[in-house]
Structure formats: C-alpha cells, structure tokens
PDB file of N, CA and C in Angstrom:
ATOM      1  N   MET A   1      50.955  46.322 -94.011  1.00  0.00           N
ATOM      2  CA  MET A   1      51.418  45.221 -93.201  1.00  0.00           C
ATOM      3  C   MET A   1      50.251  44.734 -92.341  1.00  0.00           C
ATOM      4  N   LEU A   2      50.026  43.481 -92.346  1.00  0.00           N
ATOM      5  CA  LEU A   2      48.951  42.852 -91.599  1.00  0.00           C
ATOM      6  C   LEU A   2      49.440  42.508 -90.197  1.00  0.00           C
ATOM      7  N   SER A   3      48.603  42.878 -89.193  1.00  0.00           N
ATOM      8  CA  SER A   3      49.010  42.634 -87.816  1.00  0.00           C
ATOM      9  C   SER A   3      47.786  42.273 -86.988  1.00  0.00           C
ATOM     10  N   LEU A   4      47.930  41.482 -85.993  1.00  0.00           N
ATOM     11  CA  LEU A   4      46.859  41.120 -85.076  1.00  0.00           C
ATOM     12  C   LEU A   4      46.843  42.015 -83.841  1.00  0.00           C
ATOM     13  N   VAL A   5      47.777  42.941 -83.749  1.00  0.00           N
ATOM     14  CA  VAL A   5      47.884  43.832 -82.602  1.00  0.00           C
ATOM     15  C   VAL A   5      47.029  45.076 -82.858  1.00  0.00           C
ATOM     16  N   ASP A   6      46.177  45.436 -81.894  1.00  0.00           N
ATOM     17  CA  ASP A   6      45.293  46.603 -82.020  1.00  0.00           C
ATOM     18  C   ASP A   6      45.909  47.762 -81.244  1.00  0.00           C
ATOM     19  N   ALA A   7      46.920  48.397 -81.812  1.00  0.00           N
ATOM     20  CA  ALA A   7      47.646  49.457 -81.123  1.00  0.00           C
ATOM     21  C   ALA A   7      46.842  50.766 -81.050  1.00  0.00           C
ATOM     22  N   ASN A   8      45.903  50.989 -81.959  1.00  0.00           N
ATOM     23  CA  ASN A   8      45.136  52.236 -81.993  1.00  0.00           C
ATOM     24  C   ASN A   8      43.752  52.121 -81.348  1.00  0.00           C
ATOM     25  N   ASN A   9      43.463  50.985 -80.739  1.00  0.00           N
ATOM     26  CA  ASN A   9      42.165  50.747 -80.091  1.00  0.00           C
ATOM     27  C   ASN A   9      41.019  50.906 -81.103  1.00  0.00           C
ATOM     28  N   GLU A  10      41.149  50.306 -82.276  1.00  0.00           N
ATOM     29  CA  GLU A  10      40.168  50.432 -83.348  1.00  0.00           C
ATOM     30  C   GLU A  10      38.892  49.629 -83.103  1.00  0.00           C
ATOM     31  N   GLY A  11      38.864  48.808 -82.113  1.00  0.00           N
ATOM     32  CA  GLY A  11      37.677  48.011 -81.809  1.00  0.00           C
ATOM     33  C   GLY A  11      36.713  48.700 -80.856  1.00  0.00           C
ATOM     34  N   ARG A  12      37.012  49.945 -80.469  1.00  0.00           N
ATOM     35  CA  ARG A  12      36.164  50.653 -79.507  1.00  0.00           C
ATOM     36  C   ARG A  12      34.814  51.019 -80.140  1.00  0.00           C
ATOM     37  N   SER A  13      33.822  51.184 -79.296  1.00  0.00           N
ATOM     38  CA  SER A  13      32.492  51.547 -79.791  1.00  0.00           C
ATOM     39  C   SER A  13      32.419  53.050 -80.032  1.00  0.00           C
ATOM     40  N   SER A  14      31.463  53.443 -80.874  1.00  0.00           N
ATOM     41  CA  SER A  14      31.313  54.850 -81.225  1.00  0.00           C
ATOM     42  C   SER A  14      29.832  55.212 -81.245  1.00  0.00           C
ATOM     43  N   ASP A  15      29.517  56.462 -80.911  1.00  0.00           N
ATOM     44  CA  ASP A  15      28.125  56.930 -80.972  1.00  0.00           C
ATOM     45  C   ASP A  15      27.906  57.842 -82.183  1.00  0.00           C
ATOM     46  N   PHE A  16      28.758  57.755 -83.186  1.00  0.00           N
ATOM     47  CA  PHE A  16      28.683  58.621 -84.359  1.00  0.00           C
ATOM     48  C   PHE A  16      27.350  58.488 -85.103  1.00  0.00           C
ATOM     49  N   PHE A  17      26.813  57.267 -85.213  1.00  0.00           N
ATOM     50  CA  PHE A  17      25.581  57.032 -85.958  1.00  0.00           C
ATOM     51  C   PHE A  17      24.331  57.045 -85.088  1.00  0.00           C
ATOM     52  N   ILE A  18      24.450  57.338 -83.818  1.00  0.00           N
ATOM     53  CA  ILE A  18      23.285  57.386 -82.938  1.00  0.00           C
ATOM     54  C   ILE A  18      22.634  58.760 -83.068  1.00  0.00           C
ATOM     55  N   VAL A  19      21.333  58.769 -83.399  1.00  0.00           N
ATOM     56  CA  VAL A  19      20.590  60.004 -83.637  1.00  0.00           C
ATOM     57  C   VAL A  19      19.335  59.970 -82.774  1.00  0.00           C
ATOM     58  N   ASN A  20      18.972  61.113 -82.224  1.00  0.00           N
ATOM     59  CA  ASN A  20      17.742  61.223 -81.446  1.00  0.00           C
ATOM     60  C   ASN A  20      16.555  61.095 -82.397  1.00  0.00           C
ATOM     61  N   THR A  21      15.765  60.031 -82.261  1.00  0.00           N
ATOM     62  CA  THR A  21      14.625  59.798 -83.142  1.00  0.00           C
ATOM     63  C   THR A  21      13.294  60.000 -82.436  1.00  0.00           C
ATOM     64  N   SER A  22      13.282  60.723 -81.316  1.00  0.00           N
ATOM     65  CA  SER A  22      12.013  60.981 -80.650  1.00  0.00           C
ATOM     66  C   SER A  22      11.199  61.960 -81.485  1.00  0.00           C
ATOM     67  N   TYR A  23       9.872  61.793 -81.458  1.00  0.00           N
ATOM     68  CA  TYR A  23       9.019  62.637 -82.271  1.00  0.00           C
ATOM     69  C   TYR A  23       7.615  62.724 -81.674  1.00  0.00           C
ATOM     70  N   PHE A  24       6.872  63.720 -82.119  1.00  0.00           N
ATOM     71  CA  PHE A  24       5.451  63.869 -81.799  1.00  0.00           C
ATOM     72  C   PHE A  24       4.730  64.007 -83.133  1.00  0.00           C
ATOM     73  N   LYS A  25       3.737  63.167 -83.370  1.00  0.00           N
ATOM     74  CA  LYS A  25       3.057  63.161 -84.659  1.00  0.00           C
ATOM     75  C   LYS A  25       1.549  63.259 -84.464  1.00  0.00           C
ATOM     76  N   MET A  26       0.913  64.132 -85.246  1.00  0.00           N
ATOM     77  CA  MET A  26      -0.545  64.228 -85.253  1.00  0.00           C
ATOM     78  C   MET A  26      -1.026  63.366 -86.412  1.00  0.00           C
ATOM     79  N   ARG A  27      -1.310  62.105 -86.107  1.00  0.00           N
ATOM     80  CA  ARG A  27      -1.692  61.144 -87.144  1.00  0.00           C
ATOM     81  C   ARG A  27      -3.096  61.423 -87.659  1.00  0.00           C
ATOM     82  N   ASN A  28      -4.072  61.555 -86.773  1.00  0.00           N
ATOM     83  CA  ASN A  28      -5.411  61.938 -87.220  1.00  0.00           C
ATOM     84  C   ASN A  28      -6.149  62.665 -86.114  1.00  0.00           C
ATOM     85  N   ILE A  29      -7.008  63.576 -86.539  1.00  0.00           N
ATOM     86  CA  ILE A  29      -7.798  64.363 -85.606  1.00  0.00           C
ATOM     87  C   ILE A  29      -9.119  64.687 -86.294  1.00  0.00           C
ATOM     88  N   GLN A  30     -10.174  64.748 -85.486  1.00  0.00           N
ATOM     89  CA  GLN A  30     -11.487  65.099 -86.014  1.00  0.00           C
ATOM     90  C   GLN A  30     -12.127  66.124 -85.086  1.00  0.00           C
ATOM     91  N   LEU A  31     -12.595  67.211 -85.673  1.00  0.00           N
ATOM     92  CA  LEU A  31     -13.299  68.246 -84.931  1.00  0.00           C
ATOM     93  C   LEU A  31     -14.687  68.382 -85.532  1.00  0.00           C
ATOM     94  N   GLY A  32     -15.697  68.418 -84.667  1.00  0.00           N
ATOM     95  CA  GLY A  32     -17.059  68.508 -85.176  1.00  0.00           C
ATOM     96  C   GLY A  32     -17.956  69.302 -84.252  1.00  0.00           C
ATOM     97  N   TYR A  33     -19.103  69.667 -84.792  1.00  0.00           N
ATOM     98  CA  TYR A  33     -20.100  70.398 -84.025  1.00  0.00           C
ATOM     99  C   TYR A  33     -21.468  69.841 -84.398  1.00  0.00           C
ATOM    100  N   THR A  34     -22.291  69.542 -83.391  1.00  0.00           N
ATOM    101  CA  THR A  34     -23.619  68.985 -83.598  1.00  0.00           C
ATOM    102  C   THR A  34     -24.671  69.994 -83.174  1.00  0.00           C
ATOM    103  N   LEU A  35     -25.591  70.255 -84.058  1.00  0.00           N
ATOM    104  CA  LEU A  35     -26.738  71.113 -83.757  1.00  0.00           C
ATOM    105  C   LEU A  35     -27.884  70.226 -83.295  1.00  0.00           C
ATOM    106  N   GLY A  36     -28.571  70.635 -82.246  1.00  0.00           N
ATOM    107  CA  GLY A  36     -29.647  69.832 -81.680  1.00  0.00           C
ATOM    108  C   GLY A  36     -30.972  70.028 -82.392  1.00  0.00           C
ATOM    109  N   ALA A  37     -31.977  69.243 -81.968  1.00  0.00           N
ATOM    110  CA  ALA A  37     -33.296  69.247 -82.586  1.00  0.00           C
ATOM    111  C   ALA A  37     -34.005  70.588 -82.401  1.00  0.00           C
ATOM    112  N   SER A  38     -33.820  71.249 -81.286  1.00  0.00           N
ATOM    113  CA  SER A  38     -34.515  72.522 -81.046  1.00  0.00           C
ATOM    114  C   SER A  38     -34.074  73.601 -82.035  1.00  0.00           C
ATOM    115  N   THR A  39     -32.826  73.591 -82.432  1.00  0.00           N
ATOM    116  CA  THR A  39     -32.304  74.566 -83.391  1.00  0.00           C
ATOM    117  C   THR A  39     -32.804  74.278 -84.806  1.00  0.00           C
ATOM    118  N   LEU A  40     -33.012  73.000 -85.115  1.00  0.00           N
ATOM    119  CA  LEU A  40     -33.339  72.581 -86.472  1.00  0.00           C
ATOM    120  C   LEU A  40     -34.815  72.249 -86.680  1.00  0.00           C
ATOM    121  N   LYS A  41     -35.655  72.594 -85.714  1.00  0.00           N
ATOM    122  CA  LYS A  41     -37.070  72.224 -85.755  1.00  0.00           C
ATOM    123  C   LYS A  41     -37.764  72.734 -87.022  1.00  0.00           C
ATOM    124  N   SER A  42     -37.444  73.925 -87.460  1.00  0.00           N
ATOM    125  CA  SER A  42     -38.137  74.544 -88.594  1.00  0.00           C
ATOM    126  C   SER A  42     -37.828  73.877 -89.945  1.00  0.00           C
ATOM    127  N   ILE A  43     -36.720  73.164 -90.078  1.00  0.00           N
ATOM    128  CA  ILE A  43     -36.388  72.523 -91.356  1.00  0.00           C
ATOM    129  C   ILE A  43     -36.557  71.001 -91.305  1.00  0.00           C
ATOM    130  N   ARG A  44     -37.243  70.489 -90.295  1.00  0.00           N
ATOM    131  CA  ARG A  44     -37.585  69.062 -90.145  1.00  0.00           C
ATOM    132  C   ARG A  44     -36.352  68.151 -90.141  1.00  0.00           C
ATOM    133  N   VAL A  45     -35.340  68.606 -89.450  1.00  0.00           N
ATOM    134  CA  VAL A  45     -34.124  67.811 -89.261  1.00  0.00           C
ATOM    135  C   VAL A  45     -33.962  67.576 -87.769  1.00  0.00           C
ATOM    136  N   GLN A  46     -33.722  66.313 -87.392  1.00  0.00           N
ATOM    137  CA  GLN A  46     -33.573  65.971 -85.970  1.00  0.00           C
ATOM    138  C   GLN A  46     -32.188  66.333 -85.450  1.00  0.00           C
ATOM    139  N   LYS A  47     -31.156  66.028 -86.257  1.00  0.00           N
ATOM    140  CA  LYS A  47     -29.776  66.303 -85.832  1.00  0.00           C
ATOM    141  C   LYS A  47     -28.920  66.616 -87.049  1.00  0.00           C
ATOM    142  N   LEU A  48     -28.018  67.577 -86.893  1.00  0.00           N
ATOM    143  CA  LEU A  48     -27.098  67.968 -87.961  1.00  0.00           C
ATOM    144  C   LEU A  48     -25.710  68.093 -87.362  1.00  0.00           C
ATOM    145  N   ARG A  49     -24.747  67.399 -87.965  1.00  0.00           N
ATOM    146  CA  ARG A  49     -23.375  67.429 -87.465  1.00  0.00           C
ATOM    147  C   ARG A  49     -22.430  67.809 -88.594  1.00  0.00           C
ATOM    148  N   LEU A  50     -21.628  68.821 -88.378  1.00  0.00           N
ATOM    149  CA  LEU A  50     -20.594  69.257 -89.310  1.00  0.00           C
ATOM    150  C   LEU A  50     -19.238  68.857 -88.726  1.00  0.00           C
ATOM    151  N   TYR A  51     -18.327  68.365 -89.580  1.00  0.00           N
ATOM    152  CA  TYR A  51     -17.016  67.985 -89.050  1.00  0.00           C
ATOM    153  C   TYR A  51     -15.931  68.177 -90.099  1.00  0.00           C
ATOM    154  N   VAL A  52     -14.709  68.268 -89.621  1.00  0.00           N
ATOM    155  CA  VAL A  52     -13.507  68.287 -90.453  1.00  0.00           C
ATOM    156  C   VAL A  52     -12.523  67.288 -89.830  1.00  0.00           C
ATOM    157  N   MET A  53     -11.881  66.505 -90.688  1.00  0.00           N
ATOM    158  CA  MET A  53     -10.980  65.461 -90.217  1.00  0.00           C
ATOM    159  C   MET A  53      -9.676  65.553 -91.008  1.00  0.00           C
ATOM    160  N   GLY A  54      -8.556  65.412 -90.336  1.00  0.00           N
ATOM    161  CA  GLY A  54      -7.254  65.457 -90.997  1.00  0.00           C
ATOM    162  C   GLY A  54      -6.409  64.249 -90.651  1.00  0.00           C
ATOM    163  N   ASP A  55      -5.665  63.757 -91.622  1.00  0.00           N
ATOM    164  CA  ASP A  55      -4.750  62.622 -91.444  1.00  0.00           C
ATOM    165  C   ASP A  55      -3.329  63.045 -91.789  1.00  0.00           C
ATOM    166  N   ASN A  56      -2.377  62.636 -90.955  1.00  0.00           N
ATOM    167  CA  ASN A  56      -0.947  62.930 -91.142  1.00  0.00           C
ATOM    168  C   ASN A  56      -0.707  64.421 -91.352  1.00  0.00           C
ATOM    169  N   LEU A  57      -1.200  65.222 -90.434  1.00  0.00           N
ATOM    170  CA  LEU A  57      -1.132  66.671 -90.582  1.00  0.00           C
ATOM    171  C   LEU A  57       0.269  67.227 -90.351  1.00  0.00           C
ATOM    172  N   PHE A  58       0.936  66.808 -89.272  1.00  0.00           N
ATOM    173  CA  PHE A  58       2.265  67.337 -88.990  1.00  0.00           C
ATOM    174  C   PHE A  58       2.973  66.442 -87.995  1.00  0.00           C
ATOM    175  N   TRP A  59       4.288  66.642 -87.885  1.00  0.00           N
ATOM    176  CA  TRP A  59       5.070  65.991 -86.835  1.00  0.00           C
ATOM    177  C   TRP A  59       6.270  66.858 -86.501  1.00  0.00           C
ATOM    178  N   PHE A  60       6.718  66.706 -85.261  1.00  0.00           N
ATOM    179  CA  PHE A  60       7.909  67.391 -84.772  1.00  0.00           C
ATOM    180  C   PHE A  60       8.933  66.329 -84.425  1.00  0.00           C
ATOM    181  N   ASN A  61      10.171  66.519 -84.881  1.00  0.00           N
ATOM    182  CA  ASN A  61      11.228  65.578 -84.528  1.00  0.00           C
ATOM    183  C   ASN A  61      12.549  66.323 -84.395  1.00  0.00           C
ATOM    184  N   SER A  62      13.573  65.597 -84.039  1.00  0.00           N
ATOM    185  CA  SER A  62      14.906  66.169 -83.863  1.00  0.00           C
ATOM    186  C   SER A  62      15.430  66.721 -85.192  1.00  0.00           C
ATOM    187  N   LYS A  63      16.137  67.840 -85.165  1.00  0.00           N
ATOM    188  CA  LYS A  63      16.686  68.433 -86.385  1.00  0.00           C
ATOM    189  C   LYS A  63      17.784  67.568 -87.000  1.00  0.00           C
ATOM    190  N   LYS A  64      18.397  66.716 -86.209  1.00  0.00           N
ATOM    191  CA  LYS A  64      19.448  65.840 -86.728  1.00  0.00           C
ATOM    192  C   LYS A  64      18.878  64.629 -87.460  1.00  0.00           C
ATOM    193  N   PHE A  65      17.609  64.321 -87.225  1.00  0.00           N
ATOM    194  CA  PHE A  65      16.969  63.180 -87.878  1.00  0.00           C
ATOM    195  C   PHE A  65      16.561  63.589 -89.285  1.00  0.00           C
ATOM    196  N   GLU A  66      17.081  62.916 -90.312  1.00  0.00           N
ATOM    197  CA  GLU A  66      16.934  63.371 -91.686  1.00  0.00           C
ATOM    198  C   GLU A  66      15.841  62.686 -92.480  1.00  0.00           C
ATOM    199  N   SER A  67      15.114  61.745 -91.913  1.00  0.00           N
ATOM    200  CA  SER A  67      14.068  61.049 -92.649  1.00  0.00           C
ATOM    201  C   SER A  67      12.834  61.939 -92.817  1.00  0.00           C
ATOM    202  N   ARG A  68      12.029  61.685 -93.837  1.00  0.00           N
ATOM    203  CA  ARG A  68      10.801  62.447 -94.045  1.00  0.00           C
ATOM    204  C   ARG A  68       9.761  62.145 -92.973  1.00  0.00           C
ATOM    205  N   ASP A  69       9.686  60.916 -92.531  1.00  0.00           N
ATOM    206  CA  ASP A  69       8.714  60.504 -91.520  1.00  0.00           C
ATOM    207  C   ASP A  69       9.413  59.578 -90.537  1.00  0.00           C
ATOM    208  N   PRO A  70       9.359  59.870 -89.238  1.00  0.00           N
ATOM    209  CA  PRO A  70      10.081  59.046 -88.260  1.00  0.00           C
ATOM    210  C   PRO A  70       9.582  57.609 -88.168  1.00  0.00           C
ATOM    211  N   GLU A  71       8.342  57.343 -88.558  1.00  0.00           N
ATOM    212  CA  GLU A  71       7.830  55.973 -88.512  1.00  0.00           C
ATOM    213  C   GLU A  71       8.282  55.142 -89.708  1.00  0.00           C
ATOM    214  N   LEU A  72       8.678  55.787 -90.796  1.00  0.00           N
ATOM    215  CA  LEU A  72       9.092  55.085 -92.004  1.00  0.00           C
ATOM    216  C   LEU A  72      10.507  55.470 -92.376  1.00  0.00           C
ATOM    217  N   ALA A  73      11.432  55.310 -91.463  1.00  0.00           N
ATOM    218  CA  ALA A  73      12.811  55.781 -91.642  1.00  0.00           C
ATOM    219  C   ALA A  73      13.533  55.071 -92.775  1.00  0.00           C
ATOM    220  N   ASN A  74      13.201  53.827 -93.063  1.00  0.00           N
ATOM    221  CA  ASN A  74      13.956  53.091 -94.070  1.00  0.00           C
ATOM    222  C   ASN A  74      13.412  53.270 -95.487  1.00  0.00           C
ATOM    223  N   ILE A  75      12.236  53.889 -95.666  1.00  0.00           N
ATOM    224  CA  ILE A  75      11.669  54.058 -97.003  1.00  0.00           C
ATOM    225  C   ILE A  75      12.208  55.322 -97.650  1.00  0.00           C
ATOM    226  N   GLY A  76      12.246  56.420 -96.904  1.00  0.00           N
ATOM    227  CA  GLY A  76      12.921  57.625 -97.355  1.00  0.00           C
ATOM    228  C   GLY A  76      12.218  58.458 -98.405  1.00  0.00           C
ATOM    229  N   LEU A  77      12.183  58.022 -99.643  1.00  0.00           N
ATOM    230  CA  LEU A  77      11.712  58.875-100.725  1.00  0.00           C
ATOM    231  C   LEU A  77      10.199  58.836-100.953  1.00  0.00           C
ATOM    232  N   ILE A  78       9.481  57.920-100.373  1.00  0.00           N
ATOM    233  CA  ILE A  78       8.043  57.829-100.576  1.00  0.00           C
ATOM    234  C   ILE A  78       7.347  58.809 -99.633  1.00  0.00           C
ATOM    235  N   PRO A  79       6.640  59.811-100.178  1.00  0.00           N
ATOM    236  CA  PRO A  79       5.966  60.781 -99.299  1.00  0.00           C
ATOM    237  C   PRO A  79       4.739  60.164 -98.624  1.00  0.00           C
ATOM    238  N   ILE A  80       4.481  60.584 -97.405  1.00  0.00           N
ATOM    239  CA  ILE A  80       3.320  60.123 -96.661  1.00  0.00           C
ATOM    240  C   ILE A  80       2.148  61.023 -97.032  1.00  0.00           C
ATOM    241  N   PRO A  81       1.033  60.458 -97.518  1.00  0.00           N
ATOM    242  CA  PRO A  81      -0.088  61.308 -97.936  1.00  0.00           C
ATOM    243  C   PRO A  81      -0.725  62.050 -96.776  1.00  0.00           C
ATOM    244  N   ARG A  82      -1.101  63.276 -97.026  1.00  0.00           N
ATOM    245  CA  ARG A  82      -1.790  64.117 -96.059  1.00  0.00           C
ATOM    246  C   ARG A  82      -3.178  64.374 -96.628  1.00  0.00           C
ATOM    247  N   SER A  83      -4.215  64.228 -95.810  1.00  0.00           N
ATOM    248  CA  SER A  83      -5.566  64.445 -96.319  1.00  0.00           C
ATOM    249  C   SER A  83      -6.402  65.226 -95.316  1.00  0.00           C
ATOM    250  N   VAL A  84      -7.337  65.997 -95.853  1.00  0.00           N
ATOM    251  CA  VAL A  84      -8.306  66.741 -95.050  1.00  0.00           C
ATOM    252  C   VAL A  84      -9.678  66.426 -95.618  1.00  0.00           C
ATOM    253  N   THR A  85     -10.614  66.042 -94.745  1.00  0.00           N
ATOM    254  CA  THR A  85     -11.955  65.647 -95.156  1.00  0.00           C
ATOM    255  C   THR A  85     -12.979  66.509 -94.420  1.00  0.00           C
ATOM    256  N   PHE A  86     -13.950  66.987 -95.152  1.00  0.00           N
ATOM    257  CA  PHE A  86     -15.064  67.732 -94.571  1.00  0.00           C
ATOM    258  C   PHE A  86     -16.306  66.862 -94.677  1.00  0.00           C
ATOM    259  N   GLY A  87     -17.174  66.910 -93.671  1.00  0.00           N
ATOM    260  CA  GLY A  87     -18.347  66.058 -93.705  1.00  0.00           C
ATOM    261  C   GLY A  87     -19.572  66.677 -93.084  1.00  0.00           C
ATOM    262  N   LEU A  88     -20.702  66.056 -93.384  1.00  0.00           N
ATOM    263  CA  LEU A  88     -21.997  66.494 -92.891  1.00  0.00           C
ATOM    264  C   LEU A  88     -22.831  65.252 -92.617  1.00  0.00           C
ATOM    265  N   ASN A  89     -23.292  65.097 -91.382  1.00  0.00           N
ATOM    266  CA  ASN A  89     -24.199  64.003 -91.014  1.00  0.00           C
ATOM    267  C   ASN A  89     -25.545  64.617 -90.695  1.00  0.00           C
ATOM    268  N   VAL A  90     -26.606  64.116 -91.350  1.00  0.00           N
ATOM    269  CA  VAL A  90     -27.952  64.640 -91.156  1.00  0.00           C
ATOM    270  C   VAL A  90     -28.874  63.500 -90.760  1.00  0.00           C
ATOM    271  N   THR A  91     -29.622  63.708 -89.670  1.00  0.00           N
ATOM    272  CA  THR A  91     -30.653  62.761 -89.240  1.00  0.00           C
ATOM    273  C   THR A  91     -32.008  63.449 -89.415  1.00  0.00           C
ATOM    274  N   PHE A  92     -32.836  62.872 -90.315  1.00  0.00           N
ATOM    275  CA  PHE A  92     -34.157  63.457 -90.571  1.00  0.00           C
ATOM    276  C   PHE A  92     -35.177  62.882 -89.616  1.00  0.00           C
ATOM    277  N   LYS A  93     -36.283  63.604 -89.429  1.00  0.00           N
ATOM    278  CA  LYS A  93     -37.361  63.147 -88.549  1.00  0.00           C
ATOM    279  C   LYS A  93     -38.150  62.041 -89.189  1.00  0.00           C
TER     280      LYS A  93
END
C-alpha cells in the first residue's frame, strides 16, 4: 500500500556508511651518507655519497577502512607500486 505518511521515521539520517579514513603514509624517504675528501684522498675522489630511497613503503589506517590505499579509495583493485632504489654519487677531482 502506497502512503505519504512517514510513520516509521524512514527519512532520518544514519552514520552506517561513515568510516574513519584517517591515515599516516610514508610516501617517500631517502637516507644517505656522504664521505668527505679527507677520507677519500687516497683514491682521488673528492666526494662519495651512498643512499637508499623508498617509495610507498607503508601506511597505517583504521581497521574498518577496507581500501588498499586510503588515497585511492575508489580504484580498489589496482595495487600501488612499492620501490626501493640504491644509489651512489661520485665526484672526482
């Protein structure tokens, strides 16, 4: 039976679909160490820098949030690539 009367208060708002989407994400980080000229004098190198760099390493989010990545909630099935890069910068005399 069709009625215009809302006897059950069916128009009320609900928080059923509201989910805590706060997160902390380590998008990229680089750690390096530079050796000075005094250490490298014997091999004729002015400066030597070793480094490691990571992209999309990890994130923390609410356990109720079911997406793979909080920044790409609507894509869902596409994995976010994670990469680690090692490097060496050398400055010769």
